[in-house]
C-alpha atoms as a PDB file:
ATOM      1  CA  MET A   1       0.000   0.000   0.000  1.00  0.00           C
ATOM      2  CA  ILE A   2       1.307   3.453  -0.907  1.00  0.00           C
ATOM      3  CA  THR A   3       0.807   5.986   1.862  1.00  0.00           C
ATOM      4  CA  VAL A   4       0.212   9.652   1.128  1.00  0.00           C
ATOM      5  CA  LYS A   5       1.948  11.546   3.884  1.00  0.00           C
ATOM      6  CA  SER A   6       0.778  14.833   5.296  1.00  0.00           C
ATOM      7  CA  SER A   7       2.649  17.392   7.312  1.00  0.00           C
ATOM      8  CA  PRO A   8       1.438  18.492  10.761  1.00  0.00           C
ATOM      9  CA  ARG A   9       0.225  21.726   9.233  1.00  0.00           C
ATOM     10  CA  THR A  10      -2.292  21.962   6.418  1.00  0.00           C
ATOM     11  CA  PRO A  11      -0.250  22.395   3.221  1.00  0.00           C
ATOM     12  CA  ARG A  12      -0.679  25.530   1.206  1.00  0.00           C
ATOM     13  CA  PRO A  13      -2.255  25.450  -2.241  1.00  0.00           C
ATOM     14  CA  ALA A  14       0.105  25.656  -5.185  1.00  0.00           C
ATOM     15  CA  SER A  15       1.157  29.140  -6.194  1.00  0.00           C
ATOM     16  CA  GLY A  16      -1.697  30.951  -7.897  1.00  0.00           C
ATOM     17  CA  ALA A  17      -4.323  28.393  -6.818  1.00  0.00           C
ATOM     18  CA  PRO A  18      -7.311  29.865  -5.012  1.00  0.00           C
ATOM     19  CA  ALA A  19      -8.011  28.820  -1.445  1.00  0.00           C
ATOM     20  CA  GLY A  20     -11.335  27.247  -0.523  1.00  0.00           C
ATOM     21  CA  ARG A  21     -13.332  24.200  -1.514  1.00  0.00           C
ATOM     22  CA  THR A  22     -13.343  23.220  -5.179  1.00  0.00           C
ATOM     23  CA  ASP A  23     -15.696  20.957  -7.154  1.00  0.00           C
ATOM     24  CA  LEU A  24     -13.272  18.088  -6.525  1.00  0.00           C
ATOM     25  CA  GLY A  25     -13.414  18.673  -2.776  1.00  0.00           C
ATOM     26  CA  ARG A  26     -17.181  19.039  -2.815  1.00  0.00           C
ATOM     27  CA  ARG A  27     -17.663  15.795  -4.734  1.00  0.00           C
ATOM     28  CA  LEU A  28     -15.214  13.949  -2.515  1.00  0.00           C
ATOM     29  CA  ALA A  29     -16.918  15.137   0.683  1.00  0.00           C
ATOM     30  CA  ALA A  30     -20.420  14.409  -0.640  1.00  0.00           C
ATOM     31  CA  ARG A  31     -19.525  10.895  -1.781  1.00  0.00           C
ATOM     32  CA  ARG A  32     -17.708  10.112   1.468  1.00  0.00           C
ATOM     33  CA  SER A  33     -20.700  11.356   3.469  1.00  0.00           C
ATOM     34  CA  SER A  34     -23.173   9.325   1.393  1.00  0.00           C
ATOM     35  CA  LEU A  35     -21.128   6.184   2.144  1.00  0.00           C
ATOM     36  CA  GLY A  36     -21.086   7.000   5.855  1.00  0.00           C
ATOM     37  CA  LEU A  37     -17.290   7.146   5.972  1.00  0.00           C
ATOM     38  CA  SER A  38     -15.227   9.334   8.254  1.00  0.00           C
ATOM     39  CA  ARG A  39     -12.065  10.917   6.913  1.00  0.00           C
ATOM     40  CA  GLU A  40     -10.070   8.418   8.931  1.00  0.00           C
ATOM     41  CA  GLU A  41     -11.966   5.479   7.405  1.00  0.00           C
ATOM     42  CA  LEU A  42     -11.541   6.802   3.875  1.00  0.00           C
ATOM     43  CA  GLY A  43      -7.874   7.423   4.571  1.00  0.00           C
ATOM     44  CA  ARG A  44      -7.394   3.810   5.640  1.00  0.00           C
ATOM     45  CA  ARG A  45      -9.112   2.614   2.467  1.00  0.00           C
ATOM     46  CA  CYS A  46      -6.869   4.606   0.145  1.00  0.00           C
ATOM     47  CA  GLY A  47      -3.662   4.742   2.182  1.00  0.00           C
ATOM     48  CA  ALA A  48      -3.834   8.425   3.044  1.00  0.00           C
ATOM     49  CA  ASP A  49      -3.726  10.405   6.249  1.00  0.00           C
ATOM     50  CA  ALA A  50      -7.056  11.848   7.450  1.00  0.00           C
ATOM     51  CA  ASN A  51      -5.489  15.320   7.421  1.00  0.00           C
ATOM     52  CA  TYR A  52      -4.739  14.921   3.728  1.00  0.00           C
ATOM     53  CA  ILE A  53      -8.337  13.888   3.037  1.00  0.00           C
ATOM     54  CA  ALA A  54      -9.420  17.056   4.859  1.00  0.00           C
ATOM     55  CA  TYR A  55      -7.033  19.086   2.718  1.00  0.00           C
ATOM     56  CA  LEU A  56      -8.423  17.589  -0.498  1.00  0.00           C
ATOM     57  CA  GLU A  57     -11.961  18.422   0.612  1.00  0.00           C
ATOM     58  CA  GLU A  58     -11.347  21.938   1.863  1.00  0.00           C
ATOM     59  CA  HIS A  59      -8.624  23.439  -0.325  1.00  0.00           C
ATOM     60  CA  ALA A  60      -7.734  23.948  -3.983  1.00  0.00           C
ATOM     61  CA  ALA A  61      -5.533  20.866  -4.115  1.00  0.00           C
ATOM     62  CA  SER A  62      -3.838  19.380  -7.179  1.00  0.00           C
ATOM     63  CA  PRO A  63      -3.433  15.684  -6.314  1.00  0.00           C
ATOM     64  CA  SER A  64      -1.484  13.342  -8.558  1.00  0.00           C
ATOM     65  CA  ILE A  65      -3.307  10.929 -10.842  1.00  0.00           C
ATOM     66  CA  GLY A  66      -2.190   8.092  -8.567  1.00  0.00           C
ATOM     67  CA  THR A  67      -3.846   9.741  -5.578  1.00  0.00           C
ATOM     68  CA  LEU A  68      -7.018  10.380  -7.574  1.00  0.00           C
ATOM     69  CA  ILE A  69      -7.177   6.723  -8.621  1.00  0.00           C
ATOM     70  CA  ARG A  70      -6.765   5.460  -5.057  1.00  0.00           C
ATOM     71  CA  VAL A  71      -9.324   7.894  -3.629  1.00  0.00           C
ATOM     72  CA  ALA A  72     -11.840   7.177  -6.403  1.00  0.00           C
ATOM     73  CA  ASP A  73     -11.416   3.408  -5.935  1.00  0.00           C
ATOM     74  CA  ALA A  74     -11.971   3.792  -2.199  1.00  0.00           C
ATOM     75  CA  LEU A  75     -15.171   5.731  -2.896  1.00  0.00           C
ATOM     76  CA  GLY A  76     -16.428   3.211  -5.458  1.00  0.00           C
ATOM     77  CA  ILE A  77     -16.468   5.711  -8.335  1.00  0.00           C
ATOM     78  CA  THR A  78     -14.268   6.544 -11.307  1.00  0.00           C
ATOM     79  CA  VAL A  79     -11.688   9.308 -11.516  1.00  0.00           C
ATOM     80  CA  ASP A  80     -13.906  10.981 -14.119  1.00  0.00           C
ATOM     81  CA  ASP A  81     -16.797  10.943 -11.655  1.00  0.00           C
ATOM     82  CA  LEU A  82     -14.591  12.383  -8.927  1.00  0.00           C
ATOM     83  CA  THR A  83     -13.180  15.164 -11.096  1.00  0.00           C
ATOM     84  CA  GLY A  84     -16.355  15.836 -13.086  1.00  0.00           C
ATOM     85  CA  ALA A  85     -14.785  14.789 -16.388  1.00  0.00           C
ATOM     86  CA  SER A  86     -17.471  12.297 -17.478  1.00  0.00           C
ATOM     87  CA  SER A  87     -18.163  14.376 -20.582  1.00  0.00           C
ATOM     88  CA  ASP A  88     -19.219  11.617 -22.975  1.00  0.00           C
ATOM     89  CA  ARG A  89     -22.032  10.286 -20.835  1.00  0.00           C
ATOM     90  CA  PRO A  90     -25.358  11.980 -20.153  1.00  0.00           C
ATOM     91  CA  PRO A  91     -25.789  13.190 -16.573  1.00  0.00           C
ATOM     92  CA  GLY A  92     -28.267  11.735 -14.137  1.00  0.00           C
ATOM     93  CA  ARG A  93     -26.747   8.286 -13.575  1.00  0.00           C
ATOM     94  CA  ALA A  94     -26.366   8.722  -9.815  1.00  0.00           C
ATOM     95  CA  GLU A  95     -28.883   7.127  -7.481  1.00  0.00           C
ATOM     96  CA  SER A  96     -31.384   9.466  -5.853  1.00  0.00           C
ATOM     97  CA  ARG A  97     -31.167  10.171  -2.146  1.00  0.00           C
ATOM     98  CA  ARG A  98     -34.016   9.748   0.310  1.00  0.00           C
ATOM     99  CA  ASP A  99     -33.455  13.193   1.798  1.00  0.00           C
ATOM    100  CA  SER A 100     -33.754  14.981  -1.573  1.00  0.00           C
ATOM    101  CA  ALA A 101     -36.164  17.859  -2.074  1.00  0.00           C
ATOM    102  CA  LEU A 102     -36.989  20.175  -4.962  1.00  0.00           C
ATOM    103  CA  VAL A 103     -37.068  23.867  -4.077  1.00  0.00           C
ATOM    104  CA  ALA A 104     -38.079  26.848  -6.188  1.00  0.00           C
ATOM    105  CA  LEU A 105     -35.572  29.612  -6.907  1.00  0.00           C
ATOM    106  CA  ASP A 106     -36.428  33.298  -6.829  1.00  0.00           C
ATOM    107  CA  GLU A 107     -35.696  35.578  -9.775  1.00  0.00           C
ATOM    108  CA  ALA A 108     -32.516  36.982  -8.247  1.00  0.00           C
ATOM    109  CA  GLU A 109     -31.059  33.497  -7.809  1.00  0.00           C
ATOM    110  CA  CYS A 110     -32.118  32.541 -11.340  1.00  0.00           C
ATOM    111  CA  ARG A 111     -30.266  35.530 -12.761  1.00  0.00           C
ATOM    112  CA  ARG A 112     -27.212  34.748 -10.647  1.00  0.00           C
ATOM    113  CA  LEU A 113     -27.130  31.209 -12.027  1.00  0.00           C
ATOM    114  CA  LEU A 114     -27.543  32.459 -15.590  1.00  0.00           C
ATOM    115  CA  GLY A 115     -24.332  34.393 -15.043  1.00  0.00           C
ATOM    116  CA  THR A 116     -22.836  36.345 -17.917  1.00  0.00           C
ATOM    117  CA  HIS A 117     -22.578  33.562 -20.498  1.00  0.00           C
ATOM    118  CA  GLY A 118     -22.600  29.813 -20.992  1.00  0.00           C
ATOM    119  CA  VAL A 119     -24.305  27.039 -22.949  1.00  0.00           C
ATOM    120  CA  GLY A 120     -28.075  26.654 -22.751  1.00  0.00           C
ATOM    121  CA  ARG A 121     -30.974  25.424 -24.878  1.00  0.00           C
ATOM    122  CA  ILE A 122     -33.468  27.443 -26.878  1.00  0.00           C
ATOM    123  CA  ALA A 123     -36.849  25.806 -27.548  1.00  0.00           C
ATOM    124  CA  VAL A 124     -38.923  27.052 -30.495  1.00  0.00           C
ATOM    125  CA  PHE A 125     -41.894  25.893 -32.533  1.00  0.00           C
ATOM    126  CA  THR A 126     -41.240  24.974 -36.162  1.00  0.00           C
ATOM    127  CA  SER A 127     -43.410  23.749 -39.025  1.00  0.00           C
ATOM    128  CA  GLU A 128     -42.343  20.217 -38.079  1.00  0.00           C
ATOM    129  CA  GLY A 129     -43.039  20.616 -34.369  1.00  0.00           C
ATOM    130  CA  PRO A 130     -41.042  21.723 -31.318  1.00  0.00           C
ATOM    131  CA  SER A 131     -37.271  22.010 -31.684  1.00  0.00           C
ATOM    132  CA  VAL A 132     -34.686  22.354 -28.895  1.00  0.00           C
ATOM    133  CA  LEU A 133     -31.267  23.691 -29.866  1.00  0.00           C
ATOM    134  CA  PRO A 134     -28.084  24.151 -27.792  1.00  0.00           C
ATOM    135  CA  VAL A 135     -26.649  27.667 -28.017  1.00  0.00           C
ATOM    136  CA  ASN A 136     -23.759  29.644 -26.587  1.00  0.00           C
ATOM    137  CA  TYR A 137     -25.556  32.489 -24.844  1.00  0.00           C
ATOM    138  CA  MET A 138     -24.744  35.709 -23.073  1.00  0.00           C
ATOM    139  CA  THR A 139     -26.850  37.957 -20.879  1.00  0.00           C
ATOM    140  CA  ALA A 140     -27.455  41.498 -22.112  1.00  0.00           C
ATOM    141  CA  GLY A 141     -29.357  43.403 -19.460  1.00  0.00           C
ATOM    142  CA  PRO A 142     -32.595  41.511 -18.852  1.00  0.00           C
ATOM    143  CA  ALA A 143     -32.323  39.652 -22.181  1.00  0.00           C
ATOM    144  CA  ILE A 144     -30.616  36.394 -23.141  1.00  0.00           C
ATOM    145  CA  ALA A 145     -28.776  36.772 -26.461  1.00  0.00           C
ATOM    146  CA  PHE A 146     -27.091  34.324 -28.820  1.00  0.00           C
ATOM    147  CA  ARG A 147     -25.686  34.134 -32.332  1.00  0.00           C
ATOM    148  CA  THR A 148     -26.903  31.756 -34.990  1.00  0.00           C
ATOM    149  CA  ALA A 149     -26.555  31.095 -38.710  1.00  0.00           C
ATOM    150  CA  ALA A 150     -28.934  32.239 -41.417  1.00  0.00           C
ATOM    151  CA  ASP A 151     -32.110  30.258 -42.075  1.00  0.00           C
ATOM    152  CA  THR A 152     -32.042  28.348 -38.797  1.00  0.00           C
ATOM    153  CA  ALA A 153     -35.064  27.351 -36.735  1.00  0.00           C
ATOM    154  CA  ALA A 154     -34.265  30.127 -34.260  1.00  0.00           C
ATOM    155  CA  VAL A 155     -34.163  32.787 -36.982  1.00  0.00           C
ATOM    156  CA  ARG A 156     -37.458  31.578 -38.446  1.00  0.00           C
ATOM    157  CA  ALA A 157     -39.030  31.666 -34.977  1.00  0.00           C
ATOM    158  CA  ALA A 158     -38.396  35.414 -34.548  1.00  0.00           C
ATOM    159  CA  GLY A 159     -41.497  37.189 -33.284  1.00  0.00           C
ATOM    160  CA  THR A 160     -42.873  34.132 -31.478  1.00  0.00           C
ATOM    161  CA  GLU A 161     -42.839  32.986 -27.879  1.00  0.00           C
ATOM    162  CA  ALA A 162     -39.906  30.718 -27.067  1.00  0.00           C
ATOM    163  CA  ALA A 163     -38.281  29.114 -24.044  1.00  0.00           C
ATOM    164  CA  PHE A 164     -34.681  29.024 -22.885  1.00  0.00           C
ATOM    165  CA  GLU A 165     -33.213  26.572 -20.369  1.00  0.00           C
ATOM    166  CA  VAL A 166     -29.844  26.177 -18.676  1.00  0.00           C
ATOM    167  CA  ASP A 167     -28.889  23.708 -15.964  1.00  0.00           C
ATOM    168  CA  HIS A 168     -26.116  22.086 -13.992  1.00  0.00           C
ATOM    169  CA  ILE A 169     -26.140  18.465 -12.798  1.00  0.00           C
ATOM    170  CA  ASP A 170     -23.625  16.795 -10.491  1.00  0.00           C
ATOM    171  CA  ASP A 171     -23.738  13.000 -10.726  1.00  0.00           C
ATOM    172  CA  VAL A 172     -21.616  12.348  -7.665  1.00  0.00           C
ATOM    173  CA  THR A 173     -23.671  14.472  -5.269  1.00  0.00           C
ATOM    174  CA  ALA A 174     -27.030  13.834  -7.032  1.00  0.00           C
ATOM    175  CA  GLU A 175     -27.628  17.577  -6.946  1.00  0.00           C
ATOM    176  CA  GLY A 176     -28.469  20.092  -9.617  1.00  0.00           C
ATOM    177  CA  TRP A 177     -30.411  23.143 -10.680  1.00  0.00           C
ATOM    178  CA  SER A 178     -32.260  24.408 -13.724  1.00  0.00           C
ATOM    179  CA  VAL A 179     -33.403  27.843 -14.847  1.00  0.00           C
ATOM    180  CA  GLN A 180     -36.064  28.434 -17.498  1.00  0.00           C
ATOM    181  CA  ALA A 181     -36.984  31.673 -19.233  1.00  0.00           C
ATOM    182  CA  VAL A 182     -40.072  32.140 -21.407  1.00  0.00           C
ATOM    183  CA  GLY A 183     -40.619  35.213 -23.533  1.00  0.00           C
ATOM    184  CA  LEU A 184     -40.617  36.816 -26.953  1.00  0.00           C
ATOM    185  CA  LEU A 185     -37.786  35.748 -29.265  1.00  0.00           C
ATOM    186  CA  GLU A 186     -36.601  38.611 -31.459  1.00  0.00           C
ATOM    187  CA  ALA A 187     -33.946  39.256 -34.066  1.00  0.00           C
ATOM    188  CA  VAL A 188     -31.553  42.013 -33.036  1.00  0.00           C
ATOM    189  CA  THR A 189     -31.745  44.505 -35.901  1.00  0.00           C
ATOM    190  CA  ASP A 190     -30.592  47.769 -34.315  1.00  0.00           C
ATOM    191  CA  PRO A 191     -26.987  48.376 -35.504  1.00  0.00           C
ATOM    192  CA  ASP A 192     -25.856  49.884 -32.196  1.00  0.00           C
ATOM    193  CA  GLU A 193     -27.327  47.009 -30.200  1.00  0.00           C
ATOM    194  CA  ARG A 194     -25.737  44.456 -32.519  1.00  0.00           C
ATOM    195  CA  GLN A 195     -22.357  46.159 -32.238  1.00  0.00           C
ATOM    196  CA  HIS A 196     -22.641  46.222 -28.457  1.00  0.00           C
ATOM    197  CA  LEU A 197     -23.302  42.470 -28.425  1.00  0.00           C
ATOM    198  CA  VAL A 198     -20.349  41.821 -30.731  1.00  0.00           C
ATOM    199  CA  VAL A 199     -17.999  43.877 -28.564  1.00  0.00           C
ATOM    200  CA  THR A 200     -19.149  42.429 -25.246  1.00  0.00           C
ATOM    201  CA  ALA A 201     -19.482  38.783 -26.336  1.00  0.00           C
ATOM    202  CA  ARG A 202     -17.373  36.608 -24.036  1.00  0.00           C
ATOM    203  CA  ALA A 203     -17.224  33.538 -26.269  1.00  0.00           C
ATOM    204  CA  HIS A 204     -17.738  32.517 -29.870  1.00  0.00           C
ATOM    205  CA  PRO A 205     -20.248  29.777 -30.748  1.00  0.00           C
ATOM    206  CA  TRP A 206     -18.653  26.374 -30.287  1.00  0.00           C
ATOM    207  CA  ALA A 207     -20.288  25.120 -33.485  1.00  0.00           C
ATOM    208  CA  GLY A 208     -18.120  27.438 -35.572  1.00  0.00           C
ATOM    209  CA  GLY A 209     -19.113  28.593 -39.025  1.00  0.00           C
ATOM    210  CA  ILE A 210     -20.625  31.930 -39.994  1.00  0.00           C
ATOM    211  CA  ARG A 211     -23.029  32.918 -37.223  1.00  0.00           C
ATOM    212  CA  VAL A 212     -23.728  36.621 -37.445  1.00  0.00           C
ATOM    213  CA  HIS A 213     -27.473  36.666 -36.761  1.00  0.00           C
ATOM    214  CA  TRP A 214     -28.060  37.886 -33.217  1.00  0.00           C
ATOM    215  CA  MET A 215     -31.242  36.786 -31.461  1.00  0.00           C
ATOM    216  CA  LYS A 216     -32.514  37.730 -28.027  1.00  0.00           C
ATOM    217  CA  LEU A 217     -35.157  36.440 -25.664  1.00  0.00           C
ATOM    218  CA  THR A 218     -36.508  38.859 -23.072  1.00  0.00           C
ATOM    219  CA  PRO A 219     -38.017  36.795 -20.241  1.00  0.00           C
ATOM    220  CA  ALA A 220     -41.645  37.406 -19.363  1.00  0.00           C
ATOM    221  CA  ARG A 221     -41.311  34.523 -16.888  1.00  0.00           C
ATOM    222  CA  LEU A 222     -38.099  33.422 -15.209  1.00  0.00           C
ATOM    223  CA  THR A 223     -38.274  30.369 -12.961  1.00  0.00           C
ATOM    224  CA  GLY A 224     -35.845  27.892 -11.496  1.00  0.00           C
ATOM    225  CA  ARG A 225     -35.579  24.819  -9.318  1.00  0.00           C
ATOM    226  CA  ARG A 226     -32.809  23.178  -7.326  1.00  0.00           C
ATOM    227  CA  VAL A 227     -32.419  19.687  -5.867  1.00  0.00           C
ATOM    228  CA  VAL A 228     -31.209  19.918  -2.269  1.00  0.00           C
ATOM    229  CA  HIS A 229     -30.502  17.363   0.457  1.00  0.00           C
ATOM    230  CA  GLY A 230     -31.260  17.275   4.142  1.00  0.00           C
END
């Protein structure tokens, strides 16, 4: 068994790394708690000191791949699950917890979760029925804006009511949230407004190609929900 040693004092994060719990630490702590393991018990399973387990949970640590493998094995999950790198599998594979509850989010929390930009889904009606499309979005005041190509379903849906959704799901902790906005979908035609969006855009569409048609959805309804435990 390979033992991961820890010093009497909590080690400092690597230079430039932020202090405080990271997603890795949060997943580790949640999985350990769901298994009913103390830090000492987990440490014995993976050959690490309990103080080092505490450090992994509470600080911006950068453990070696060997340490990640041993900790993940001790928790009965994969390294990808532990680090959140399970990108090729749809989320939602974790078992539900008996103490789970679904709570509504107020508008302020919904807007906080929307952030400044990200990847969400726009839902529109087409001649062939409903269509849901992933888009790289940004917030522009109260509106949600995105770029698309010419003659797309989103462009053809201009002037109609549409829905936008963004979410985050954590398989290890069986937690997550979703935010949905419903409102009028419009093409951005004002030159000054278009230029402002171009200048302030934080990311280009991942799909690539020529995507110069700006669309925006101004929410008439903004709702959200979060799965919590305990």
